[in-house]
Structures are given as structure tokens and as C-alpha cells.
N, C-alpha and C. Protein backbone atom coordinates (compact mmCIF):
# COMPACT_ATOMS: atom_id res chain seq x y z
N MET A 1 -52.91 -3.91 31.25
CA MET A 1 -52.08 -3.07 32.36
C MET A 1 -52.72 -3.50 33.71
N ALA A 2 -51.81 -3.65 34.97
CA ALA A 2 -52.54 -4.52 35.92
C ALA A 2 -52.69 -3.13 37.24
N TYR A 3 -52.54 -1.83 36.65
CA TYR A 3 -52.79 -0.93 37.26
C TYR A 3 -53.44 0.13 36.48
N GLN A 4 -53.88 1.32 37.20
CA GLN A 4 -54.90 2.34 36.06
C GLN A 4 -54.19 3.29 36.26
N LYS A 5 -54.39 3.92 35.36
CA LYS A 5 -53.52 5.37 34.68
C LYS A 5 -54.41 6.43 33.98
N HIS A 6 -54.68 7.68 35.02
CA HIS A 6 -55.46 8.82 34.37
C HIS A 6 -54.65 9.05 33.06
N ASP A 7 -55.46 9.54 31.64
CA ASP A 7 -54.82 10.01 30.50
C ASP A 7 -53.93 10.71 30.43
N SER A 8 -53.68 12.04 31.44
CA SER A 8 -52.93 13.00 31.58
C SER A 8 -51.82 12.22 32.42
N ALA A 9 -51.39 11.49 33.27
CA ALA A 9 -50.65 10.80 33.87
C ALA A 9 -49.16 10.28 32.83
N ILE A 10 -48.04 10.65 33.02
CA ILE A 10 -46.67 9.94 32.32
C ILE A 10 -46.26 8.60 32.92
N VAL A 11 -46.29 7.87 32.53
CA VAL A 11 -45.67 6.53 33.52
C VAL A 11 -44.45 6.45 32.08
N ASP A 12 -43.27 6.30 32.73
CA ASP A 12 -42.04 5.93 31.57
C ASP A 12 -41.84 4.74 31.32
N ASP A 13 -41.67 4.61 30.09
CA ASP A 13 -40.84 2.69 30.35
C ASP A 13 -39.98 2.50 31.13
N GLY A 14 -40.35 1.44 31.48
CA GLY A 14 -39.44 0.56 32.59
C GLY A 14 -39.79 0.77 34.17
N ALA A 15 -41.05 1.36 34.25
CA ALA A 15 -41.44 1.41 35.87
C ALA A 15 -41.85 0.18 35.79
N GLN A 16 -42.20 -0.03 37.35
CA GLN A 16 -42.60 -0.89 37.73
C GLN A 16 -43.76 -0.59 38.64
N ILE A 17 -44.64 -0.99 38.16
CA ILE A 17 -46.47 -0.53 39.47
C ILE A 17 -47.10 -1.68 39.11
N GLY A 18 -47.23 -1.97 40.66
CA GLY A 18 -48.05 -3.17 40.98
C GLY A 18 -49.19 -3.34 40.70
N GLU A 19 -50.01 -4.28 41.04
CA GLU A 19 -51.74 -4.52 40.43
C GLU A 19 -52.56 -3.30 41.71
N GLY A 20 -53.34 -3.08 40.89
CA GLY A 20 -54.40 -2.21 41.65
C GLY A 20 -53.84 -1.08 42.13
N SER A 21 -52.96 -0.64 41.81
CA SER A 21 -52.39 0.64 41.90
C SER A 21 -52.79 1.56 40.90
N ARG A 22 -52.96 2.76 41.36
CA ARG A 22 -53.59 4.08 40.71
C ARG A 22 -52.90 5.70 40.94
N VAL A 23 -52.69 5.54 39.55
CA VAL A 23 -52.16 6.86 38.99
C VAL A 23 -52.93 8.04 38.35
N TRP A 24 -52.93 9.16 39.04
CA TRP A 24 -53.90 10.08 38.79
C TRP A 24 -53.43 11.01 38.01
N HIS A 25 -54.16 12.15 37.71
CA HIS A 25 -54.14 13.32 36.99
C HIS A 25 -52.90 14.26 36.67
N PHE A 26 -52.08 14.27 35.76
CA PHE A 26 -50.62 15.04 35.88
C PHE A 26 -49.60 14.32 36.33
N ALA A 27 -49.93 12.88 36.93
CA ALA A 27 -48.81 12.32 38.06
C ALA A 27 -47.56 11.85 36.55
N HIS A 28 -46.32 11.50 37.17
CA HIS A 28 -44.95 11.51 36.17
C HIS A 28 -44.35 10.28 37.38
N VAL A 29 -44.35 9.44 36.70
CA VAL A 29 -43.88 7.97 37.11
C VAL A 29 -42.35 8.03 35.92
N CYS A 30 -40.94 7.82 36.48
CA CYS A 30 -39.95 7.73 36.30
C CYS A 30 -39.38 6.68 35.66
N GLY A 31 -39.10 5.97 34.87
CA GLY A 31 -38.61 4.73 34.21
C GLY A 31 -37.94 3.61 35.46
N GLY A 32 -37.35 4.19 36.02
CA GLY A 32 -36.62 3.29 37.15
C GLY A 32 -37.13 3.26 38.44
N ALA A 33 -38.18 3.70 38.53
CA ALA A 33 -39.39 3.88 40.13
C ALA A 33 -39.78 2.32 39.96
N LYS A 34 -40.07 1.76 41.21
CA LYS A 34 -40.48 0.31 41.68
C LYS A 34 -42.01 0.78 42.71
N ILE A 35 -42.89 0.58 41.93
CA ILE A 35 -44.17 0.79 42.93
C ILE A 35 -44.97 -0.21 43.23
N GLY A 36 -45.19 -0.65 44.74
CA GLY A 36 -45.73 -1.86 44.55
C GLY A 36 -47.15 -1.97 44.38
N ALA A 37 -48.06 -2.69 44.82
CA ALA A 37 -49.46 -3.39 44.99
C ALA A 37 -50.20 -2.20 45.52
N GLY A 38 -51.65 -1.95 44.95
CA GLY A 38 -52.73 -1.12 45.92
C GLY A 38 -52.17 0.43 46.10
N CYS A 39 -51.52 0.79 45.67
CA CYS A 39 -50.87 2.44 45.88
C CYS A 39 -51.93 3.25 45.41
N SER A 40 -52.08 4.52 46.12
CA SER A 40 -52.37 5.47 44.74
C SER A 40 -51.37 6.65 45.40
N LEU A 41 -51.13 7.31 43.74
CA LEU A 41 -50.30 8.33 43.53
C LEU A 41 -50.96 9.47 42.59
N GLY A 42 -51.83 10.71 44.01
CA GLY A 42 -52.64 11.66 43.64
C GLY A 42 -52.35 12.42 42.86
N GLN A 43 -53.15 13.56 42.26
CA GLN A 43 -53.02 14.52 41.51
C GLN A 43 -51.56 15.26 41.60
N ASN A 44 -50.74 15.30 40.21
CA ASN A 44 -49.25 16.24 40.20
C ASN A 44 -48.18 15.03 40.97
N VAL A 45 -48.37 14.35 41.40
CA VAL A 45 -47.31 13.73 42.00
C VAL A 45 -46.35 13.20 40.97
N PHE A 46 -44.83 13.53 41.83
CA PHE A 46 -43.60 12.83 40.91
C PHE A 46 -42.91 11.94 41.53
N VAL A 47 -42.50 10.81 40.81
CA VAL A 47 -41.71 9.55 41.40
C VAL A 47 -40.84 9.80 40.63
N GLY A 48 -39.60 9.84 41.46
CA GLY A 48 -37.80 9.70 40.51
C GLY A 48 -37.64 8.09 40.09
N ASN A 49 -36.53 7.99 39.73
CA ASN A 49 -35.84 6.70 39.03
C ASN A 49 -35.53 5.96 39.87
N LYS A 50 -34.79 6.28 41.04
CA LYS A 50 -34.09 5.69 42.04
C LYS A 50 -35.25 5.95 43.23
N VAL A 51 -36.42 5.16 43.34
CA VAL A 51 -37.18 5.15 44.28
C VAL A 51 -38.47 3.97 44.02
N GLU A 52 -38.21 3.49 45.71
CA GLU A 52 -38.99 2.22 45.58
C GLU A 52 -39.97 2.36 46.82
N ILE A 53 -41.41 1.94 46.49
CA ILE A 53 -42.59 2.23 46.94
C ILE A 53 -42.95 0.92 47.48
N GLY A 54 -42.96 0.28 48.86
CA GLY A 54 -43.95 -0.60 49.17
C GLY A 54 -45.38 -0.63 48.93
N ASN A 55 -46.09 -1.61 48.82
CA ASN A 55 -47.46 -1.73 49.11
C ASN A 55 -48.28 -1.14 49.78
N ASN A 56 -49.76 -0.73 49.11
CA ASN A 56 -50.64 0.05 49.83
C ASN A 56 -49.98 1.53 50.68
N VAL A 57 -49.11 2.14 49.49
CA VAL A 57 -49.22 3.53 50.02
C VAL A 57 -49.61 4.28 49.52
N LYS A 58 -50.13 5.56 49.95
CA LYS A 58 -51.12 6.47 49.43
C LYS A 58 -50.38 7.76 49.68
N ILE A 59 -49.88 8.37 48.61
CA ILE A 59 -48.92 9.97 48.07
C ILE A 59 -50.36 10.83 47.83
N GLN A 60 -50.27 11.80 48.27
CA GLN A 60 -51.59 12.85 48.02
C GLN A 60 -51.05 13.52 47.17
N ASN A 61 -52.12 14.80 46.73
CA ASN A 61 -51.54 15.72 45.58
C ASN A 61 -50.41 16.66 45.86
N ASN A 62 -49.76 16.77 45.00
CA ASN A 62 -48.69 17.63 44.98
C ASN A 62 -47.41 17.21 45.68
N VAL A 63 -46.82 15.63 45.66
CA VAL A 63 -45.59 15.32 46.15
C VAL A 63 -44.86 15.11 45.48
N SER A 64 -43.44 15.39 45.55
CA SER A 64 -42.34 14.70 44.71
C SER A 64 -41.68 13.77 45.68
N VAL A 65 -41.39 12.64 44.86
CA VAL A 65 -40.74 11.83 45.71
C VAL A 65 -39.51 11.55 44.65
N TYR A 66 -38.41 12.16 45.51
CA TYR A 66 -37.42 11.87 44.68
C TYR A 66 -36.02 10.60 44.45
N ASP A 67 -34.87 10.87 43.91
CA ASP A 67 -34.26 9.82 43.92
C ASP A 67 -33.79 9.43 45.40
N ASN A 68 -33.43 8.40 45.75
CA ASN A 68 -33.15 7.60 47.34
C ASN A 68 -34.14 8.28 48.44
N VAL A 69 -35.22 8.13 47.87
CA VAL A 69 -36.53 7.88 48.86
C VAL A 69 -36.87 6.48 48.69
N TYR A 70 -37.18 5.98 49.84
CA TYR A 70 -37.75 4.60 49.93
C TYR A 70 -38.74 4.43 51.15
N LEU A 71 -40.06 4.00 50.69
CA LEU A 71 -41.11 4.13 51.25
C LEU A 71 -41.64 2.69 51.39
N GLU A 72 -42.07 2.27 52.58
CA GLU A 72 -42.09 0.42 53.16
C GLU A 72 -43.59 0.83 53.03
N ASP A 73 -44.26 -0.20 53.37
CA ASP A 73 -45.50 -0.48 52.79
C ASP A 73 -46.26 -0.13 53.98
N ASP A 74 -47.61 0.51 53.52
CA ASP A 74 -48.85 1.57 54.07
C ASP A 74 -48.15 2.84 54.61
N VAL A 75 -47.68 3.13 53.98
CA VAL A 75 -46.91 4.65 54.29
C VAL A 75 -47.99 5.64 53.75
N PHE A 76 -48.11 6.75 54.62
CA PHE A 76 -49.07 7.77 54.24
C PHE A 76 -48.41 9.19 53.91
N CYS A 77 -48.68 9.58 52.61
CA CYS A 77 -47.71 10.78 52.48
C CYS A 77 -49.28 12.13 51.82
N GLY A 78 -49.35 12.91 53.00
CA GLY A 78 -49.79 13.76 52.88
C GLY A 78 -49.98 14.70 51.45
N PRO A 79 -50.95 15.49 51.64
CA PRO A 79 -50.78 16.68 50.65
C PRO A 79 -49.82 17.50 51.06
N SER A 80 -49.00 17.71 49.48
CA SER A 80 -47.76 19.15 49.31
C SER A 80 -46.76 18.71 50.55
N MET A 81 -46.36 17.58 50.99
CA MET A 81 -45.67 17.16 51.71
C MET A 81 -44.13 17.28 51.28
N VAL A 82 -43.64 17.42 51.87
CA VAL A 82 -41.76 17.48 50.77
C VAL A 82 -41.11 16.46 51.21
N PHE A 83 -39.94 16.00 50.26
CA PHE A 83 -39.11 15.19 50.12
C PHE A 83 -37.91 15.81 49.64
N THR A 84 -36.48 15.86 50.54
CA THR A 84 -35.60 16.29 49.81
C THR A 84 -34.89 15.04 49.58
N ASN A 85 -33.53 15.32 48.66
CA ASN A 85 -32.27 14.55 48.23
C ASN A 85 -30.75 15.15 48.54
N VAL A 86 -30.63 16.50 48.54
CA VAL A 86 -29.35 17.02 48.73
C VAL A 86 -29.76 18.04 49.85
N TYR A 87 -28.76 17.33 50.83
CA TYR A 87 -28.14 18.27 52.31
C TYR A 87 -27.91 19.80 51.88
N ASN A 88 -27.28 20.24 50.79
CA ASN A 88 -26.85 21.60 50.82
C ASN A 88 -26.85 22.07 49.71
N PRO A 89 -27.95 22.04 48.84
CA PRO A 89 -27.93 22.23 47.24
C PRO A 89 -27.68 23.58 46.95
N ARG A 90 -26.99 23.82 45.76
CA ARG A 90 -26.60 25.29 45.18
C ARG A 90 -26.97 24.72 43.86
N SER A 91 -27.62 25.54 43.01
CA SER A 91 -28.02 25.47 41.42
C SER A 91 -26.62 25.51 40.99
N PHE A 92 -25.36 26.13 41.27
CA PHE A 92 -24.31 26.07 40.28
C PHE A 92 -23.50 24.81 40.89
N ILE A 93 -23.93 23.83 41.83
CA ILE A 93 -22.90 22.80 42.36
C ILE A 93 -23.64 21.35 41.67
N GLU A 94 -23.16 20.82 40.92
CA GLU A 94 -23.90 19.35 40.63
C GLU A 94 -23.38 18.57 41.88
N ARG A 95 -25.12 17.76 42.72
CA ARG A 95 -24.15 16.96 43.56
C ARG A 95 -25.15 15.78 43.63
N LYS A 96 -25.33 15.42 42.67
CA LYS A 96 -25.88 13.97 42.56
C LYS A 96 -25.51 13.08 42.80
N THR A 97 -24.19 13.08 43.27
CA THR A 97 -23.25 12.05 43.70
C THR A 97 -23.80 11.99 45.13
N GLU A 98 -24.41 13.14 45.61
CA GLU A 98 -24.10 13.25 47.26
C GLU A 98 -25.41 13.12 47.43
N TYR A 99 -26.41 11.97 46.91
CA TYR A 99 -28.01 12.02 47.57
C TYR A 99 -27.76 11.33 48.43
N ARG A 100 -28.79 11.54 49.66
CA ARG A 100 -28.96 10.73 51.11
C ARG A 100 -29.89 10.10 51.10
N ASP A 101 -29.96 8.88 50.88
CA ASP A 101 -30.91 8.24 51.56
C ASP A 101 -32.25 8.58 52.44
N THR A 102 -33.17 8.57 52.18
CA THR A 102 -34.22 8.86 53.50
C THR A 102 -35.51 7.52 52.91
N ARG A 103 -35.30 7.16 54.24
CA ARG A 103 -36.17 5.80 54.61
C ARG A 103 -37.71 6.24 55.37
N VAL A 104 -38.99 5.68 54.47
CA VAL A 104 -40.12 6.08 55.74
C VAL A 104 -40.50 4.72 56.07
N GLN A 105 -40.63 3.85 57.15
CA GLN A 105 -40.87 2.48 57.38
C GLN A 105 -42.45 2.60 57.55
N GLN A 106 -42.75 1.10 57.19
CA GLN A 106 -43.75 0.59 57.46
C GLN A 106 -44.92 1.35 58.38
N GLY A 107 -46.15 2.01 58.33
CA GLY A 107 -47.23 2.18 58.52
C GLY A 107 -47.01 3.81 58.93
N ALA A 108 -45.99 4.74 58.79
CA ALA A 108 -45.93 5.85 59.06
C ALA A 108 -46.51 6.90 58.41
N THR A 109 -46.69 7.87 59.13
CA THR A 109 -47.30 8.92 58.52
C THR A 109 -46.98 10.28 58.48
N LEU A 110 -46.94 10.64 57.30
CA LEU A 110 -46.05 12.10 56.84
C LEU A 110 -47.53 13.49 56.59
N GLY A 111 -47.24 14.00 57.75
CA GLY A 111 -48.71 15.15 57.54
C GLY A 111 -48.61 16.26 56.61
N ALA A 112 -49.51 16.79 55.99
CA ALA A 112 -49.93 17.55 55.07
C ALA A 112 -48.72 18.59 55.11
N ASN A 113 -48.02 19.30 54.47
CA ASN A 113 -46.82 20.13 54.50
C ASN A 113 -45.48 20.10 55.03
N CYS A 114 -45.88 18.61 55.31
CA CYS A 114 -44.56 18.30 56.20
C CYS A 114 -43.21 18.37 55.52
N THR A 115 -41.61 18.88 56.19
CA THR A 115 -40.92 18.46 55.06
C THR A 115 -39.96 17.69 56.06
N ILE A 116 -39.21 16.47 55.00
CA ILE A 116 -38.66 15.81 55.54
C ILE A 116 -37.09 15.95 55.18
N VAL A 117 -36.27 16.43 55.72
CA VAL A 117 -34.90 16.89 55.17
C VAL A 117 -34.16 15.47 54.94
N CYS A 118 -33.18 15.28 53.69
CA CYS A 118 -32.91 13.85 53.52
C CYS A 118 -31.81 13.25 54.79
N GLY A 119 -31.70 12.20 54.67
CA GLY A 119 -30.80 11.24 55.22
C GLY A 119 -31.46 10.88 56.22
N VAL A 120 -32.87 11.28 56.70
CA VAL A 120 -33.33 10.43 58.18
C VAL A 120 -33.92 9.15 57.93
N THR A 121 -34.55 8.57 58.89
CA THR A 121 -35.55 6.97 58.80
C THR A 121 -36.24 7.77 60.02
N ILE A 122 -37.67 7.68 59.24
CA ILE A 122 -39.07 7.73 59.78
C ILE A 122 -39.38 6.09 60.81
N GLY A 123 -39.47 6.13 61.93
CA GLY A 123 -39.47 4.54 62.52
C GLY A 123 -41.18 4.55 62.18
N SER A 124 -41.48 3.19 62.33
CA SER A 124 -42.64 2.75 61.51
C SER A 124 -43.82 3.18 62.57
N TYR A 125 -44.80 3.32 62.01
CA TYR A 125 -46.11 3.74 62.45
C TYR A 125 -46.03 5.35 63.03
N ALA A 126 -44.62 6.20 62.48
CA ALA A 126 -44.82 7.11 63.75
C ALA A 126 -45.73 7.71 62.60
N LEU A 127 -45.99 9.40 63.38
CA LEU A 127 -47.02 10.41 63.08
C LEU A 127 -46.16 11.33 62.82
N ILE A 128 -46.07 12.25 62.09
CA ILE A 128 -45.47 13.58 61.78
C ILE A 128 -46.51 14.06 61.49
N GLY A 129 -46.61 15.31 62.46
CA GLY A 129 -47.75 16.65 62.08
C GLY A 129 -47.77 17.28 60.99
N ALA A 130 -48.49 17.94 60.59
CA ALA A 130 -48.92 18.75 59.52
C ALA A 130 -47.86 20.08 59.53
N GLY A 131 -47.19 20.28 58.52
CA GLY A 131 -45.83 21.34 58.15
C GLY A 131 -45.10 21.25 59.23
N ALA A 132 -44.35 20.25 59.95
CA ALA A 132 -43.43 19.84 60.93
C ALA A 132 -42.26 19.99 59.76
N VAL A 133 -40.91 20.03 60.59
CA VAL A 133 -40.06 19.82 59.88
C VAL A 133 -39.50 18.77 60.38
N VAL A 134 -38.69 17.68 59.56
CA VAL A 134 -37.63 16.36 60.29
C VAL A 134 -36.50 16.72 59.73
N ASN A 135 -35.42 16.78 60.72
CA ASN A 135 -34.26 17.05 60.38
C ASN A 135 -33.40 16.12 61.25
N LYS A 136 -34.06 14.87 61.63
CA LYS A 136 -33.20 13.97 62.66
C LYS A 136 -34.08 12.55 62.63
N ASP A 137 -33.58 11.68 62.54
CA ASP A 137 -34.22 9.95 62.60
C ASP A 137 -35.38 10.01 64.05
N VAL A 138 -36.64 9.59 63.61
CA VAL A 138 -37.61 9.44 64.18
C VAL A 138 -37.74 8.16 64.70
N PRO A 139 -38.28 7.91 65.94
CA PRO A 139 -38.62 6.50 66.35
C PRO A 139 -39.83 5.89 66.21
N PRO A 140 -40.09 4.73 66.09
CA PRO A 140 -41.24 3.90 65.83
C PRO A 140 -42.38 4.45 67.05
N PHE A 141 -43.66 4.91 66.19
CA PHE A 141 -44.67 4.87 67.12
C PHE A 141 -44.65 6.34 67.59
N ALA A 142 -43.63 7.21 67.50
CA ALA A 142 -43.38 8.62 67.71
C ALA A 142 -44.05 9.32 67.08
N LEU A 143 -44.79 10.54 67.85
CA LEU A 143 -45.48 11.61 67.41
C LEU A 143 -44.62 12.82 67.39
N MET A 144 -44.98 13.31 66.40
CA MET A 144 -43.91 14.27 66.25
C MET A 144 -44.23 15.81 65.64
N VAL A 145 -44.30 16.92 65.98
CA VAL A 145 -45.05 18.30 65.69
C VAL A 145 -43.68 19.37 66.08
N GLY A 146 -44.09 20.37 64.59
CA GLY A 146 -43.23 21.64 65.02
C GLY A 146 -41.86 21.76 64.50
N VAL A 147 -41.29 22.82 64.32
CA VAL A 147 -40.26 23.36 63.16
C VAL A 147 -39.06 23.81 64.21
N PRO A 148 -37.78 23.16 64.43
CA PRO A 148 -37.80 21.72 63.90
C PRO A 148 -38.78 20.71 64.69
N ALA A 149 -38.90 19.39 64.08
CA ALA A 149 -39.79 18.94 64.39
C ALA A 149 -39.27 18.34 66.20
N LYS A 150 -40.16 17.91 67.05
CA LYS A 150 -39.68 17.35 68.30
C LYS A 150 -40.87 16.65 68.80
N GLN A 151 -40.75 15.73 69.77
CA GLN A 151 -41.31 14.28 69.76
C GLN A 151 -42.47 14.90 71.00
N ILE A 152 -44.07 14.99 70.85
CA ILE A 152 -44.70 15.16 71.82
C ILE A 152 -45.41 14.24 72.84
N GLY A 153 -45.19 13.17 72.01
CA GLY A 153 -45.74 11.67 72.43
C GLY A 153 -45.68 10.44 71.61
N TRP A 154 -46.68 9.51 72.16
CA TRP A 154 -46.62 8.39 71.36
C TRP A 154 -48.01 8.32 70.57
N ILE A 155 -48.11 7.54 69.25
CA ILE A 155 -49.16 7.12 68.74
C ILE A 155 -49.65 5.59 68.47
N SER A 156 -50.53 5.03 68.32
CA SER A 156 -50.94 3.77 68.35
C SER A 156 -50.62 3.42 66.37
N LYS A 157 -50.75 2.10 66.75
CA LYS A 157 -50.43 1.65 64.97
C LYS A 157 -52.06 2.01 64.41
N TYR A 158 -53.10 2.04 65.13
CA TYR A 158 -54.45 2.66 64.86
C TYR A 158 -54.51 4.07 64.33
N GLY A 159 -53.60 5.01 65.06
CA GLY A 159 -53.42 6.14 65.41
C GLY A 159 -54.29 6.98 66.01
N GLU A 160 -53.73 6.40 67.00
CA GLU A 160 -54.52 6.86 68.37
C GLU A 160 -53.35 7.44 69.22
N GLN A 161 -53.34 8.94 69.99
CA GLN A 161 -52.30 8.92 70.98
C GLN A 161 -52.48 8.24 72.09
N LEU A 162 -51.37 7.60 72.52
CA LEU A 162 -50.98 6.74 73.70
C LEU A 162 -50.82 7.74 74.83
N ASP A 163 -51.28 7.43 76.05
CA ASP A 163 -51.22 7.79 77.32
C ASP A 163 -49.91 7.63 78.01
N LEU A 164 -48.84 7.70 77.72
CA LEU A 164 -47.50 7.65 77.82
C LEU A 164 -46.58 8.75 78.15
N PRO A 165 -45.89 8.70 78.98
CA PRO A 165 -44.71 9.58 79.30
C PRO A 165 -43.63 9.62 77.77
N LEU A 166 -42.87 10.43 77.75
CA LEU A 166 -41.72 10.37 76.58
C LEU A 166 -40.87 9.05 76.78
N GLU A 167 -40.51 9.10 78.00
CA GLU A 167 -39.34 8.09 78.38
C GLU A 167 -39.54 7.37 79.61
N GLY A 168 -39.45 6.40 80.14
CA GLY A 168 -39.49 5.78 81.30
C GLY A 168 -40.07 4.50 81.26
N GLU A 169 -40.99 4.04 81.82
CA GLU A 169 -41.74 2.72 81.94
C GLU A 169 -43.21 3.06 82.29
N GLY A 170 -43.57 2.24 81.44
CA GLY A 170 -44.93 1.89 81.47
C GLY A 170 -45.77 1.31 80.35
N CYS A 171 -46.69 0.97 80.48
CA CYS A 171 -47.55 0.13 79.04
C CYS A 171 -49.09 1.10 78.99
N CYS A 172 -49.74 0.84 78.06
CA CYS A 172 -50.66 1.25 77.70
C CYS A 172 -51.61 0.33 76.68
N VAL A 173 -52.87 0.20 76.66
CA VAL A 173 -53.64 -0.12 75.48
C VAL A 173 -54.25 0.92 74.89
N CYS A 174 -54.20 0.24 73.42
CA CYS A 174 -55.29 1.08 72.74
C CYS A 174 -56.91 1.28 72.61
N PRO A 175 -57.15 1.81 72.86
CA PRO A 175 -58.62 1.96 73.11
C PRO A 175 -59.71 1.20 72.07
N HIS A 176 -59.15 1.62 70.50
CA HIS A 176 -59.73 0.66 69.82
C HIS A 176 -59.26 -0.88 69.34
N THR A 177 -58.26 -0.99 69.42
CA THR A 177 -57.60 -2.38 69.13
C THR A 177 -57.67 -3.45 70.34
N GLY A 178 -57.13 -2.94 71.51
CA GLY A 178 -57.15 -3.79 72.81
C GLY A 178 -55.88 -3.92 72.44
N GLU A 179 -54.86 -3.59 71.53
CA GLU A 179 -53.28 -3.80 71.47
C GLU A 179 -52.76 -3.26 72.46
N GLN A 180 -51.81 -3.71 73.09
CA GLN A 180 -50.81 -3.29 74.52
C GLN A 180 -49.55 -2.63 73.68
N TYR A 181 -49.19 -1.89 74.16
CA TYR A 181 -47.59 -0.92 74.09
C TYR A 181 -46.94 -1.18 75.33
N VAL A 182 -45.83 -1.24 74.87
CA VAL A 182 -44.78 -1.03 76.15
C VAL A 182 -43.68 0.09 76.17
N LEU A 183 -43.04 0.66 76.96
CA LEU A 183 -42.79 1.89 76.89
C LEU A 183 -41.39 1.39 77.87
N ASN A 184 -40.12 1.17 77.40
CA ASN A 184 -38.58 0.98 77.72
C ASN A 184 -37.78 1.85 77.50
N GLY A 185 -37.61 2.81 78.59
CA GLY A 185 -36.70 3.98 78.50
C GLY A 185 -37.33 4.99 77.33
N ASN A 186 -36.60 5.11 76.12
CA ASN A 186 -37.41 6.26 75.56
C ASN A 186 -37.67 4.71 74.08
N GLN A 187 -37.97 3.91 73.98
CA GLN A 187 -38.46 3.05 73.06
C GLN A 187 -39.85 2.31 73.38
N LEU A 188 -40.84 2.29 72.31
CA LEU A 188 -42.08 1.92 72.89
C LEU A 188 -41.82 0.54 71.80
N SER A 189 -42.96 -0.78 72.27
CA SER A 189 -42.88 -1.79 71.10
C SER A 189 -44.50 -2.20 71.46
N HIS A 190 -45.10 -3.05 70.43
CA HIS A 190 -45.99 -2.88 70.46
C HIS A 190 -46.24 -4.71 70.67
N GLN A 191 -46.86 -5.01 71.50
CA GLN A 191 -47.14 -6.20 71.72
C GLN A 191 -48.43 -6.68 71.16
N PHE A 192 -48.31 -8.00 70.72
CA PHE A 192 -49.46 -8.57 69.63
C PHE A 192 -50.27 -9.49 70.77
């Protein structure tokens, strides 16, 4: 076995889990799941059948990754954060054919107890604050907080808030890495 699994965890036949990944206490990975290398699935994590998780993804305790959720490389899911896959659920109406795709792009962070309403895309390296409720697409490098989530700034790849306006023109250098960020309108780009 190329990955580690705690004795109390359940990994259904057919699940694909990459080299060096760890599946902790009471986690359940369904048979159709695809999980990359170097991932960590914390205690009580659930991963559905139609889920794709990239490499080096960290999913903290008590997170359910339901069908139609796609996590790219280096995503961080904080403790007890929530994904949904049906926009208007009713217990008495079957809506499995109405699942909406949710995409979390490379390097994004989803803070503890935040909720990601299905059908949105979280841009690369965005940071969703603890307890926020995201109900629309989030641009790359955006810093989002509140209910519903609103952008309050920009965040570097390193995870530090950048001294830039929400929109306009400007540039900034990350004090930790020296990498440059350029704001053009309401889009931030990362310069290597």
C-alpha cells in the first residue's frame, strides 16, 4: 500500500489514493474517489465517489467532500468547513441529477467552518476566512470574509495580505518571497 490508513478508516474498493497520502481515524473514502499523492485526510473526513483531489491537499477534521467537488493541488480545507452539491435540497425530492460542480483551484485555502455553496469556483491561492459563506465565484488571490463572503483584499501565494486596493492599478512585492503582484482592474497576477 503506497498510502497510510488508520485501522478505523474505511477505503472502499476502487478508490485511488496516491503515494504518501494519509487517511486518519474514522475517515471514509468511497470507491470512485481519486486522491493524489502527499494528501492528508483528517479524522472523520468523508470523500464521495465523484470527487477528484490533487496532490498535497490537506483536509482537516470533520469535512465532507461530496460528489462533484474538485480540489486541485495544494488546497487546504480547514476544520469542519462545508461543501454542498445541491443548490435547493429537499429531503422528499431526489436531486442527484442536479449536482453542481464546485472547483477549488491550486493553492486556495478554505478556513475553518466556512461554507462553499455548490456551483462556484474558488480561484488559485484565494483565502476564504473562517466562517465565511461563499455563494459566487472567487478570483485568484482574493481574500474573502463574511456572510455572504465579500472580498476585503488580496493575498499572496505565501499567505500574506498584500497592500493593494480592491481594484485599479498597482503593484506590490511580497515581503517574504520578493515575488511581485500586479493589479490590473479587478484582476491580480503573479509575476515570477
